[in-house]
C-alpha atoms as a PDB file:
ATOM      1  CA  UNK A   1       5.112 -43.514 -28.798  1.00  0.00           C
ATOM      2  CA  UNK A   2       7.940 -45.903 -29.706  1.00  0.00           C
ATOM      3  CA  UNK A   3       9.186 -46.113 -26.126  1.00  0.00           C
ATOM      4  CA  UNK A   4       5.676 -46.940 -24.883  1.00  0.00           C
ATOM      5  CA  UNK A   5       5.358 -49.848 -27.332  1.00  0.00           C
ATOM      6  CA  UNK A   6       8.823 -51.083 -26.344  1.00  0.00           C
ATOM      7  CA  UNK A   7       7.835 -51.140 -22.649  1.00  0.00           C
ATOM      8  CA  UNK A   8       4.637 -53.158 -23.404  1.00  0.00           C
ATOM      9  CA  UNK A   9       6.574 -55.698 -25.463  1.00  0.00           C
ATOM     10  CA  UNK A  10       9.216 -56.113 -22.698  1.00  0.00           C
ATOM     11  CA  UNK A  11       6.506 -56.654 -20.032  1.00  0.00           C
ATOM     12  CA  UNK A  12       4.743 -59.319 -22.172  1.00  0.00           C
ATOM     13  CA  UNK A  13       8.071 -61.149 -22.663  1.00  0.00           C
ATOM     14  CA  UNK A  14       8.712 -61.233 -18.893  1.00  0.00           C
ATOM     15  CA  UNK A  15       5.229 -62.717 -18.227  1.00  0.00           C
ATOM     16  CA  UNK A  16       5.675 -65.454 -20.849  1.00  0.00           C
ATOM     17  CA  UNK A  17       9.151 -66.292 -19.518  1.00  0.00           C
ATOM     18  CA  UNK A  18       7.949 -66.714 -15.895  1.00  0.00           C
ATOM     19  CA  UNK A  19       4.945 -69.012 -16.764  1.00  0.00           C
ATOM     20  CA  UNK A  20       6.987 -72.294 -17.259  1.00  0.00           C
ATOM     21  CA  UNK A  21       8.834 -71.715 -13.968  1.00  0.00           C
ATOM     22  CA  UNK A  22       5.506 -71.524 -12.058  1.00  0.00           C
ATOM     23  CA  UNK A  23       4.190 -74.711 -13.682  1.00  0.00           C
ATOM     24  CA  UNK A  24       7.388 -76.575 -12.839  1.00  0.00           C
ATOM     25  CA  UNK A  25       7.141 -75.555  -9.189  1.00  0.00           C
ATOM     26  CA  UNK A  26       3.507 -76.800  -9.039  1.00  0.00           C
ATOM     27  CA  UNK A  27       4.530 -80.227 -10.448  1.00  0.00           C
ATOM     28  CA  UNK A  28       7.366 -80.542  -7.911  1.00  0.00           C
ATOM     29  CA  UNK A  29       4.979 -79.985  -4.998  1.00  0.00           C
ATOM     30  CA  UNK A  30       2.287 -82.427  -6.238  1.00  0.00           C
ATOM     31  CA  UNK A  31       4.164 -85.740  -5.380  1.00  0.00           C
ATOM     32  CA  UNK A  32       4.310 -84.762  -1.706  1.00  0.00           C
ATOM     33  CA  UNK A  33       0.635 -85.756  -1.315  1.00  0.00           C
ATOM     34  CA  UNK A  34       1.078 -89.261  -2.739  1.00  0.00           C
ATOM     35  CA  UNK A  35       2.499 -90.851   0.410  1.00  0.00           C
ATOM     36  CA  UNK A  36      -0.361 -89.679   2.654  1.00  0.00           C
ATOM     37  CA  UNK A  37      -3.088 -92.100   3.642  1.00  0.00           C
ATOM     38  CA  UNK A  38      -6.682 -91.108   3.013  1.00  0.00           C
ATOM     39  CA  UNK A  39      -8.778 -90.076   5.996  1.00  0.00           C
ATOM     40  CA  UNK A  40     -10.830 -92.902   7.599  1.00  0.00           C
ATOM     41  CA  UNK A  41     -14.434 -92.952   6.542  1.00  0.00           C
ATOM     42  CA  UNK A  42     -17.326 -93.306   8.957  1.00  0.00           C
ATOM     43  CA  UNK A  43     -19.372 -96.491   8.962  1.00  0.00           C
ATOM     44  CA  UNK A  44     -22.505 -94.808   7.715  1.00  0.00           C
ATOM     45  CA  UNK A  45     -20.685 -92.968   4.900  1.00  0.00           C
ATOM     46  CA  UNK A  46     -22.446 -93.271   1.542  1.00  0.00           C
ATOM     47  CA  UNK A  47     -20.977 -95.500  -1.059  1.00  0.00           C
ATOM     48  CA  UNK A  48     -20.421 -94.279  -4.578  1.00  0.00           C
ATOM     49  CA  UNK A  49     -20.272 -96.893  -7.276  1.00  0.00           C
ATOM     50  CA  UNK A  50     -18.315 -96.062 -10.401  1.00  0.00           C
ATOM     51  CA  UNK A  51     -18.255 -98.003 -13.617  1.00  0.00           C
ATOM     52  CA  UNK A  52     -14.807 -98.275 -15.080  1.00  0.00           C
ATOM     53  CA  UNK A  53     -14.487 -99.111 -18.756  1.00  0.00           C
ATOM     54  CA  UNK A  54     -12.441-102.178 -19.600  1.00  0.00           C
ATOM     55  CA  UNK A  55      -8.766-101.585 -20.130  1.00  0.00           C
ATOM     56  CA  UNK A  56      -8.744 -98.373 -18.013  1.00  0.00           C
ATOM     57  CA  UNK A  57      -6.177 -97.821 -15.277  1.00  0.00           C
ATOM     58  CA  UNK A  58      -6.877 -97.367 -11.569  1.00  0.00           C
ATOM     59  CA  UNK A  59      -8.807 -94.204 -10.704  1.00  0.00           C
ATOM     60  CA  UNK A  60      -9.547 -94.591  -6.981  1.00  0.00           C
ATOM     61  CA  UNK A  61      -7.303 -95.404  -4.062  1.00  0.00           C
ATOM     62  CA  UNK A  62      -8.370 -99.051  -3.483  1.00  0.00           C
ATOM     63  CA  UNK A  63      -8.793-101.786  -6.090  1.00  0.00           C
ATOM     64  CA  UNK A  64     -11.433-104.497  -5.944  1.00  0.00           C
ATOM     65  CA  UNK A  65     -10.713-107.631  -3.860  1.00  0.00           C
ATOM     66  CA  UNK A  66      -8.763-110.377  -5.549  1.00  0.00           C
ATOM     67  CA  UNK A  67      -7.789-108.186  -8.484  1.00  0.00           C
ATOM     68  CA  UNK A  68      -4.112-107.887  -9.167  1.00  0.00           C
ATOM     69  CA  UNK A  69      -4.492-106.311 -12.576  1.00  0.00           C
ATOM     70  CA  UNK A  70      -6.875-103.770 -14.043  1.00  0.00           C
ATOM     71  CA  UNK A  71     -10.156-105.253 -15.059  1.00  0.00           C
ATOM     72  CA  UNK A  72     -13.588-104.064 -16.008  1.00  0.00           C
ATOM     73  CA  UNK A  73     -16.536-103.769 -13.450  1.00  0.00           C
ATOM     74  CA  UNK A  74     -17.720-101.580 -10.521  1.00  0.00           C
ATOM     75  CA  UNK A  75     -16.056-100.574  -7.268  1.00  0.00           C
ATOM     76  CA  UNK A  76     -16.950 -98.709  -4.045  1.00  0.00           C
ATOM     77  CA  UNK A  77     -15.477 -95.210  -3.428  1.00  0.00           C
ATOM     78  CA  UNK A  78     -15.902 -93.348  -0.110  1.00  0.00           C
ATOM     79  CA  UNK A  79     -16.410 -89.538  -0.210  1.00  0.00           C
ATOM     80  CA  UNK A  80     -16.395 -87.024   2.735  1.00  0.00           C
ATOM     81  CA  UNK A  81     -19.463 -84.769   2.752  1.00  0.00           C
ATOM     82  CA  UNK A  82     -20.210 -81.792   5.033  1.00  0.00           C
ATOM     83  CA  UNK A  83     -23.667 -81.981   6.675  1.00  0.00           C
ATOM     84  CA  UNK A  84     -25.163 -78.976   8.597  1.00  0.00           C
ATOM     85  CA  UNK A  85     -25.917 -79.714  12.286  1.00  0.00           C
ATOM     86  CA  UNK A  86     -27.887 -77.385  14.591  1.00  0.00           C
ATOM     87  CA  UNK A  87     -27.441 -77.167  18.381  1.00  0.00           C
ATOM     88  CA  UNK A  88     -28.694 -74.968  21.277  1.00  0.00           C
ATOM     89  CA  UNK A  89     -26.184 -72.859  23.254  1.00  0.00           C
ATOM     90  CA  UNK A  90     -26.132 -69.879  25.651  1.00  0.00           C
ATOM     91  CA  UNK A  91     -24.148 -66.672  25.173  1.00  0.00           C
ATOM     92  CA  UNK A  92     -23.582 -63.541  27.275  1.00  0.00           C
ATOM     93  CA  UNK A  93     -23.938 -60.097  25.625  1.00  0.00           C
ATOM     94  CA  UNK A  94     -23.734 -56.547  26.904  1.00  0.00           C
ATOM     95  CA  UNK A  95     -26.240 -53.825  26.251  1.00  0.00           C
ATOM     96  CA  UNK A  96     -26.152 -50.123  27.091  1.00  0.00           C
ATOM     97  CA  UNK A  97     -28.850 -48.758  29.391  1.00  0.00           C
ATOM     98  CA  UNK A  98     -29.492 -45.107  30.330  1.00  0.00           C
ATOM     99  CA  UNK A  99     -29.977 -44.671  34.096  1.00  0.00           C
ATOM    100  CA  UNK A 100     -30.476 -41.659  36.333  1.00  0.00           C
ATOM    101  CA  UNK A 101     -28.128 -41.077  39.279  1.00  0.00           C
ATOM    102  CA  UNK A 102     -28.008 -38.443  41.997  1.00  0.00           C
ATOM    103  CA  UNK A 103     -24.813 -36.506  42.718  1.00  0.00           C
ATOM    104  CA  UNK A 104     -23.715 -33.468  44.727  1.00  0.00           C
ATOM    105  CA  UNK A 105     -22.996 -30.367  42.601  1.00  0.00           C
ATOM    106  CA  UNK A 106     -21.628 -26.974  43.584  1.00  0.00           C
ATOM    107  CA  UNK A 107     -22.593 -23.521  42.361  1.00  0.00           C
ATOM    108  CA  UNK A 108     -21.462 -19.990  43.154  1.00  0.00           C
ATOM    109  CA  UNK A 109     -24.027 -17.632  44.654  1.00  0.00           C
ATOM    110  CA  UNK A 110     -23.737 -13.988  45.707  1.00  0.00           C
ATOM    111  CA  UNK A 111     -24.659 -13.585  49.372  1.00  0.00           C
ATOM    112  CA  UNK A 112     -25.241 -10.148  50.908  1.00  0.00           C
ATOM    113  CA  UNK A 113     -23.178  -9.354  54.000  1.00  0.00           C
ATOM    114  CA  UNK A 114     -23.118  -6.347  56.280  1.00  0.00           C
ATOM    115  CA  UNK A 115     -19.646  -5.126  57.128  1.00  0.00           C
ATOM    116  CA  UNK A 116     -18.082  -2.227  59.062  1.00  0.00           C
ATOM    117  CA  UNK A 117     -15.138  -0.094  57.979  1.00  0.00           C
ATOM    118  CA  UNK A 118     -13.275   3.052  59.106  1.00  0.00           C
ATOM    119  CA  UNK A 119     -13.430   5.968  56.674  1.00  0.00           C
ATOM    120  CA  UNK A 120     -11.339   9.154  56.868  1.00  0.00           C
ATOM    121  CA  UNK A 121     -13.283  12.245  55.807  1.00  0.00           C
ATOM    122  CA  UNK A 122     -11.953  15.760  55.292  1.00  0.00           C
ATOM    123  CA  UNK A 123     -14.221  18.534  56.583  1.00  0.00           C
ATOM    124  CA  UNK A 124     -13.793  22.216  55.718  1.00  0.00           C
ATOM    125  CA  UNK A 125     -13.681  24.275  58.965  1.00  0.00           C
ATOM    126  CA  UNK A 126     -13.591  28.119  58.774  1.00  0.00           C
ATOM    127  CA  UNK A 127     -10.935  29.741  61.020  1.00  0.00           C
ATOM    128  CA  UNK A 128      -9.857  33.360  61.597  1.00  0.00           C
ATOM    129  CA  UNK A 129      -6.147  34.116  61.197  1.00  0.00           C
ATOM    130  CA  UNK A 130      -3.999  37.245  61.504  1.00  0.00           C
ATOM    131  CA  UNK A 131      -1.611  37.633  58.625  1.00  0.00           C
ATOM    132  CA  UNK A 132       1.022  40.199  57.684  1.00  0.00           C
ATOM    133  CA  UNK A 133       0.394  41.695  54.254  1.00  0.00           C
ATOM    134  CA  UNK A 134       3.005  43.670  52.278  1.00  0.00           C
ATOM    135  CA  UNK A 135       1.606  46.480  50.141  1.00  0.00           C
ATOM    136  CA  UNK A 136       3.476  48.567  47.580  1.00  0.00           C
ATOM    137  CA  UNK A 137       2.621  52.266  47.703  1.00  0.00           C
ATOM    138  CA  UNK A 138       3.616  54.760  44.974  1.00  0.00           C
ATOM    139  CA  UNK A 139       5.350  57.830  46.464  1.00  0.00           C
ATOM    140  CA  UNK A 140       6.305  60.865  44.260  1.00  0.00           C
ATOM    141  CA  UNK A 141       9.874  62.201  44.662  1.00  0.00           C
ATOM    142  CA  UNK A 142      12.364  64.512  42.934  1.00  0.00           C
ATOM    143  CA  UNK A 143      15.739  63.239  41.779  1.00  0.00           C
ATOM    144  CA  UNK A 144      18.796  64.978  40.357  1.00  0.00           C
ATOM    145  CA  UNK A 145      20.066  63.172  37.307  1.00  0.00           C
ATOM    146  CA  UNK A 146      22.888  63.726  34.866  1.00  0.00           C
ATOM    147  CA  UNK A 147      21.829  63.155  31.310  1.00  0.00           C
ATOM    148  CA  UNK A 148      23.811  63.066  28.085  1.00  0.00           C
ATOM    149  CA  UNK A 149      22.190  64.337  24.948  1.00  0.00           C
ATOM    150  CA  UNK A 150      23.291  64.975  21.378  1.00  0.00           C
ATOM    151  CA  UNK A 151      23.215  68.571  20.119  1.00  0.00           C
ATOM    152  CA  UNK A 152      23.734  69.676  16.495  1.00  0.00           C
ATOM    153  CA  UNK A 153      26.436  72.454  16.479  1.00  0.00           C
ATOM    154  CA  UNK A 154      26.836  74.600  13.286  1.00  0.00           C
ATOM    155  CA  UNK A 155      30.360  75.098  11.873  1.00  0.00           C
ATOM    156  CA  UNK A 156      31.876  76.518   8.676  1.00  0.00           C
ATOM    157  CA  UNK A 157      33.899  74.292   6.370  1.00  0.00           C
ATOM    158  CA  UNK A 158      35.701  74.868   3.075  1.00  0.00           C
ATOM    159  CA  UNK A 159      34.591  72.435   0.423  1.00  0.00           C
ATOM    160  CA  UNK A 160      35.221  71.921  -3.276  1.00  0.00           C
ATOM    161  CA  UNK A 161      32.042  71.601  -5.257  1.00  0.00           C
ATOM    162  CA  UNK A 162      31.469  70.825  -8.942  1.00  0.00           C
ATOM    163  CA  UNK A 163      29.075  72.939 -10.962  1.00  0.00           C
ATOM    164  CA  UNK A 164      27.607  72.268 -14.389  1.00  0.00           C
ATOM    165  CA  UNK A 165      28.565  75.003 -16.886  1.00  0.00           C
ATOM    166  CA  UNK A 166      27.138  75.340 -20.416  1.00  0.00           C
ATOM    167  CA  UNK A 167      29.935  75.480 -23.042  1.00  0.00           C
ATOM    168  CA  UNK A 168      29.494  76.026 -26.825  1.00  0.00           C
ATOM    169  CA  UNK A 169      31.995  74.092 -28.928  1.00  0.00           C
ATOM    170  CA  UNK A 170      32.373  73.889 -32.728  1.00  0.00           C
ATOM    171  CA  UNK A 171      31.431  70.558 -34.224  1.00  0.00           C
ATOM    172  CA  UNK A 172      32.095  69.553 -37.848  1.00  0.00           C
ATOM    173  CA  UNK A 173      29.754  67.026 -39.427  1.00  0.00           C
ATOM    174  CA  UNK A 174      29.965  65.269 -42.798  1.00  0.00           C
ATOM    175  CA  UNK A 175      26.760  64.403 -44.618  1.00  0.00           C
ATOM    176  CA  UNK A 176      25.476  63.665 -48.132  1.00  0.00           C
ATOM    177  CA  UNK A 177      23.304  66.276 -49.767  1.00  0.00           C
ATOM    178  CA  UNK A 178      20.648  65.283 -52.334  1.00  0.00           C
ATOM    179  CA  UNK A 179      21.144  67.236 -55.564  1.00  0.00           C
ATOM    180  CA  UNK A 180      18.343  65.774 -57.692  1.00  0.00           C
ATOM    181  CA  UNK A 181      16.123  62.687 -57.686  1.00  0.00           C
ATOM    182  CA  UNK A 182      16.042  61.934 -61.456  1.00  0.00           C
ATOM    183  CA  UNK A 183      15.136  63.336 -64.913  1.00  0.00           C
ATOM    184  CA  UNK A 184      12.553  63.026 -67.668  1.00  0.00           C
ATOM    185  CA  UNK A 185      13.228  61.113 -70.905  1.00  0.00           C
ATOM    186  CA  UNK A 186      11.341  60.795 -74.163  1.00  0.00           C
ATOM    187  CA  UNK A 187      10.893  57.189 -75.251  1.00  0.00           C
ATOM    188  CA  UNK A 188       9.183  55.415 -78.183  1.00  0.00           C
ATOM    189  CA  UNK A 189       6.404  53.268 -76.734  1.00  0.00           C
ATOM    190  CA  UNK A 190       4.270  50.745 -78.610  1.00  0.00           C
ATOM    191  CA  UNK A 191       0.585  51.371 -78.006  1.00  0.00           C
ATOM    192  CA  UNK A 192      -1.771  48.792 -76.589  1.00  0.00           C
ATOM    193  CA  UNK A 193      -3.217  47.967 -80.019  1.00  0.00           C
ATOM    194  CA  UNK A 194      -0.758  47.068 -82.830  1.00  0.00           C
ATOM    195  CA  UNK A 195      -2.565  48.914 -85.768  1.00  0.00           C
ATOM    196  CA  UNK A 196      -3.150  52.545 -85.957  1.00  0.00           C
ATOM    197  CA  UNK A 197      -6.531  54.097 -86.328  1.00  0.00           C
ATOM    198  CA  UNK A 198      -6.472  53.833 -90.120  1.00  0.00           C
ATOM    199  CA  UNK A 199      -7.749  50.820 -92.080  1.00  0.00           C
ATOM    200  CA  UNK A 200      -4.531  50.682 -94.179  1.00  0.00           C
ATOM    201  CA  UNK A 201      -1.412  52.818 -94.310  1.00  0.00           C
ATOM    202  CA  UNK A 202      -0.196  51.403 -97.592  1.00  0.00           C
ATOM    203  CA  UNK A 203      -0.760  53.863-100.452  1.00  0.00           C
ATOM    204  CA  UNK A 204      -0.121  51.208-103.084  1.00  0.00           C
ATOM    205  CA  UNK A 205      -2.733  48.857-101.660  1.00  0.00           C
ATOM    206  CA  UNK A 206      -5.482  50.884-100.125  1.00  0.00           C
ATOM    207  CA  UNK A 207      -7.546  47.733 -99.617  1.00  0.00           C
ATOM    208  CA  UNK A 208      -5.006  46.111 -97.229  1.00  0.00           C
ATOM    209  CA  UNK A 209      -6.304  45.390 -93.734  1.00  0.00           C
ATOM    210  CA  UNK A 210      -2.991  45.813 -91.833  1.00  0.00           C
ATOM    211  CA  UNK A 211      -0.261  48.408 -91.784  1.00  0.00           C
ATOM    212  CA  UNK A 212       3.067  47.653 -93.305  1.00  0.00           C
ATOM    213  CA  UNK A 213       4.978  49.176 -90.308  1.00  0.00           C
ATOM    214  CA  UNK A 214       4.267  48.880 -86.497  1.00  0.00           C
ATOM    215  CA  UNK A 215       2.745  52.029 -85.009  1.00  0.00           C
ATOM    216  CA  UNK A 216       4.781  53.704 -82.103  1.00  0.00           C
ATOM    217  CA  UNK A 217       4.386  56.948 -80.180  1.00  0.00           C
ATOM    218  CA  UNK A 218       6.723  59.192 -78.185  1.00  0.00           C
ATOM    219  CA  UNK A 219       6.069  59.275 -74.420  1.00  0.00           C
ATOM    220  CA  UNK A 220       7.721  61.298 -71.656  1.00  0.00           C
ATOM    221  CA  UNK A 221       8.958  58.917 -68.887  1.00  0.00           C
ATOM    222  CA  UNK A 222      10.419  59.832 -65.489  1.00  0.00           C
ATOM    223  CA  UNK A 223      13.709  58.068 -64.711  1.00  0.00           C
ATOM    224  CA  UNK A 224      14.545  57.779 -61.004  1.00  0.00           C
ATOM    225  CA  UNK A 225      18.305  58.186 -60.454  1.00  0.00           C
ATOM    226  CA  UNK A 226      19.098  60.225 -57.296  1.00  0.00           C
ATOM    227  CA  UNK A 227      22.399  62.123 -57.162  1.00  0.00           C
ATOM    228  CA  UNK A 228      24.224  63.078 -53.897  1.00  0.00           C
ATOM    229  CA  UNK A 229      27.244  65.208 -53.020  1.00  0.00           C
ATOM    230  CA  UNK A 230      29.404  65.210 -49.844  1.00  0.00           C
ATOM    231  CA  UNK A 231      29.196  68.343 -47.694  1.00  0.00           C
ATOM    232  CA  UNK A 232      31.111  69.432 -44.544  1.00  0.00           C
ATOM    233  CA  UNK A 233      29.214  71.576 -42.043  1.00  0.00           C
ATOM    234  CA  UNK A 234      30.599  73.209 -38.906  1.00  0.00           C
ATOM    235  CA  UNK A 235      28.197  74.355 -36.179  1.00  0.00           C
ATOM    236  CA  UNK A 236      28.311  75.297 -32.517  1.00  0.00           C
ATOM    237  CA  UNK A 237      27.032  72.605 -30.147  1.00  0.00           C
ATOM    238  CA  UNK A 238      26.047  73.312 -26.545  1.00  0.00           C
ATOM    239  CA  UNK A 239      27.492  70.891 -23.949  1.00  0.00           C
ATOM    240  CA  UNK A 240      27.770  70.706 -20.127  1.00  0.00           C
ATOM    241  CA  UNK A 241      31.012  70.510 -18.208  1.00  0.00           C
ATOM    242  CA  UNK A 242      31.678  70.036 -14.429  1.00  0.00           C
ATOM    243  CA  UNK A 243      33.887  72.872 -13.157  1.00  0.00           C
ATOM    244  CA  UNK A 244      35.411  72.648  -9.594  1.00  0.00           C
ATOM    245  CA  UNK A 245      34.756  75.567  -7.279  1.00  0.00           C
ATOM    246  CA  UNK A 246      35.864  76.289  -3.658  1.00  0.00           C
ATOM    247  CA  UNK A 247      33.283  77.734  -1.270  1.00  0.00           C
ATOM    248  CA  UNK A 248      32.484  78.143   2.431  1.00  0.00           C
ATOM    249  CA  UNK A 249      29.722  75.830   3.643  1.00  0.00           C
ATOM    250  CA  UNK A 250      27.920  75.855   7.011  1.00  0.00           C
ATOM    251  CA  UNK A 251      27.621  72.294   8.346  1.00  0.00           C
ATOM    252  CA  UNK A 252      25.799  71.039  11.508  1.00  0.00           C
ATOM    253  CA  UNK A 253      27.801  68.415  13.382  1.00  0.00           C
ATOM    254  CA  UNK A 254      26.456  66.254  16.266  1.00  0.00           C
ATOM    255  CA  UNK A 255      28.061  66.854  19.640  1.00  0.00           C
ATOM    256  CA  UNK A 256      27.407  65.079  22.990  1.00  0.00           C
ATOM    257  CA  UNK A 257      26.556  67.441  25.873  1.00  0.00           C
ATOM    258  CA  UNK A 258      26.267  66.429  29.576  1.00  0.00           C
ATOM    259  CA  UNK A 259      23.887  68.370  31.788  1.00  0.00           C
ATOM    260  CA  UNK A 260      22.250  68.044  35.229  1.00  0.00           C
ATOM    261  CA  UNK A 261      18.491  68.315  35.694  1.00  0.00           C
ATOM    262  CA  UNK A 262      15.740  67.691  38.261  1.00  0.00           C
ATOM    263  CA  UNK A 263      13.370  64.823  37.426  1.00  0.00           C
ATOM    264  CA  UNK A 264      10.065  63.917  39.096  1.00  0.00           C
ATOM    265  CA  UNK A 265      10.008  60.189  39.793  1.00  0.00           C
ATOM    266  CA  UNK A 266       7.325  57.942  41.344  1.00  0.00           C
ATOM    267  CA  UNK A 267       8.861  55.283  43.571  1.00  0.00           C
ATOM    268  CA  UNK A 268       7.190  52.198  45.007  1.00  0.00           C
ATOM    269  CA  UNK A 269       7.636  51.775  48.781  1.00  0.00           C
ATOM    270  CA  UNK A 270       6.823  48.507  50.621  1.00  0.00           C
ATOM    271  CA  UNK A 271       4.475  48.872  53.599  1.00  0.00           C
ATOM    272  CA  UNK A 272       3.598  45.996  56.011  1.00  0.00           C
ATOM    273  CA  UNK A 273       0.329  45.801  57.959  1.00  0.00           C
ATOM    274  CA  UNK A 274      -1.695  43.215  59.934  1.00  0.00           C
ATOM    275  CA  UNK A 275      -4.899  41.863  58.382  1.00  0.00           C
ATOM    276  CA  UNK A 276      -7.629  39.617  59.852  1.00  0.00           C
ATOM    277  CA  UNK A 277      -8.802  36.990  57.342  1.00  0.00           C
ATOM    278  CA  UNK A 278     -11.056  33.925  57.391  1.00  0.00           C
ATOM    279  CA  UNK A 279      -9.486  30.739  56.049  1.00  0.00           C
ATOM    280  CA  UNK A 280     -11.174  27.362  55.384  1.00  0.00           C
ATOM    281  CA  UNK A 281      -9.013  24.509  56.637  1.00  0.00           C
ATOM    282  CA  UNK A 282      -9.476  20.830  55.814  1.00  0.00           C
ATOM    283  CA  UNK A 283      -9.655  18.786  59.026  1.00  0.00           C
ATOM    284  CA  UNK A 284      -9.416  14.966  58.878  1.00  0.00           C
ATOM    285  CA  UNK A 285     -12.111  13.034  60.763  1.00  0.00           C
ATOM    286  CA  UNK A 286     -12.196   9.243  61.265  1.00  0.00           C
ATOM    287  CA  UNK A 287     -15.766   7.909  60.920  1.00  0.00           C
ATOM    288  CA  UNK A 288     -16.983   4.289  61.203  1.00  0.00           C
ATOM    289  CA  UNK A 289     -19.626   3.304  58.663  1.00  0.00           C
ATOM    290  CA  UNK A 290     -21.629   0.190  57.857  1.00  0.00           C
ATOM    291  CA  UNK A 291     -22.098  -1.037  54.286  1.00  0.00           C
ATOM    292  CA  UNK A 292     -23.633  -4.037  52.502  1.00  0.00           C
ATOM    293  CA  UNK A 293     -21.690  -6.001  49.894  1.00  0.00           C
ATOM    294  CA  UNK A 294     -22.240  -9.158  47.834  1.00  0.00           C
ATOM    295  CA  UNK A 295     -19.811 -11.986  48.610  1.00  0.00           C
ATOM    296  CA  UNK A 296     -19.517 -15.013  46.262  1.00  0.00           C
ATOM    297  CA  UNK A 297     -19.916 -18.346  48.101  1.00  0.00           C
ATOM    298  CA  UNK A 298     -19.823 -21.960  46.910  1.00  0.00           C
ATOM    299  CA  UNK A 299     -23.122 -23.718  47.737  1.00  0.00           C
ATOM    300  CA  UNK A 300     -23.705 -27.513  47.445  1.00  0.00           C
ATOM    301  CA  UNK A 301     -26.960 -28.907  46.025  1.00  0.00           C
ATOM    302  CA  UNK A 302     -28.311 -32.277  44.875  1.00  0.00           C
ATOM    303  CA  UNK A 303     -28.729 -32.847  41.144  1.00  0.00           C
ATOM    304  CA  UNK A 304     -29.545 -35.806  38.869  1.00  0.00           C
ATOM    305  CA  UNK A 305     -27.965 -36.855  35.616  1.00  0.00           C
ATOM    306  CA  UNK A 306     -28.318 -39.653  33.057  1.00  0.00           C
ATOM    307  CA  UNK A 307     -25.454 -42.149  32.763  1.00  0.00           C
ATOM    308  CA  UNK A 308     -24.930 -44.865  30.140  1.00  0.00           C
ATOM    309  CA  UNK A 309     -24.299 -48.279  31.866  1.00  0.00           C
ATOM    310  CA  UNK A 310     -23.233 -51.576  30.217  1.00  0.00           C
ATOM    311  CA  UNK A 311     -25.472 -54.425  31.573  1.00  0.00           C
ATOM    312  CA  UNK A 312     -24.647 -58.148  30.879  1.00  0.00           C
ATOM    313  CA  UNK A 313     -27.532 -60.345  29.657  1.00  0.00           C
ATOM    314  CA  UNK A 314     -27.765 -64.069  28.797  1.00  0.00           C
ATOM    315  CA  UNK A 315     -29.626 -65.359  25.742  1.00  0.00           C
ATOM    316  CA  UNK A 316     -30.209 -68.745  24.071  1.00  0.00           C
ATOM    317  CA  UNK A 317     -28.942 -69.085  20.535  1.00  0.00           C
ATOM    318  CA  UNK A 318     -29.463 -71.846  17.959  1.00  0.00           C
ATOM    319  CA  UNK A 319     -26.278 -72.430  15.975  1.00  0.00           C
END
């Protein structure tokens, strides 16, 4: 806000400072018009009479005749006035007119023409040919072949085998034997109600409401305290052991054997023979044919169009 006010104040100072310079330049230019003579006035120019008060200085350009010093009275002053004057004159203007003109235009038209061309056609013609055909015929035959086959041959071998044998062995075990679980004890127990069944147990004061001593009773209670003793026990335990044993075992082993045998085989034998067959062959034939086609051609025709033309015209004007 402060900067804005500072800018406005600076601009106002510049305007005020430049005003005296402009006025001084206007005063310097004014004396240049003093040496010029006034324009001559026409004879029929109107005269303006001014009354000058006595003691006033010269106002016009010419003083009255015979006056060397300012004096009071009237004088004639000539003034230029502009008067309108009308006259007749002729001027040439141009105007736009729309006219029709004929011109030659061209358009494309499709014209039918008959033409001739050579066409190659392929015609299927049946022909009889003799061909050699190879046929495969199956013929049975007997062949002698040597074959190798695997035969299982038994043989005796000595092997060591392991057998499971039941053996009883002594086994000593240590365990704790329960002697007794607990015992019974007699204990003095206070009953649920504090007084006994009597109204008073005091012989001195038979009218007393309470007993002088608490009432208790003897009750048999089981006390759980188990007792154990260590015992050693030896017993026979049955177990299994693997015992090696040698025995004769019959084993079948594979063995390759070669032998010769007769085999019936069917063989394929090629046999050639002549066969008559009909074959269709494509034969080329050149044929001339006539066809009609449309050919584009450029055709001229007369057409009309409207054209804008500038036409000069003369007119009288009063200015």
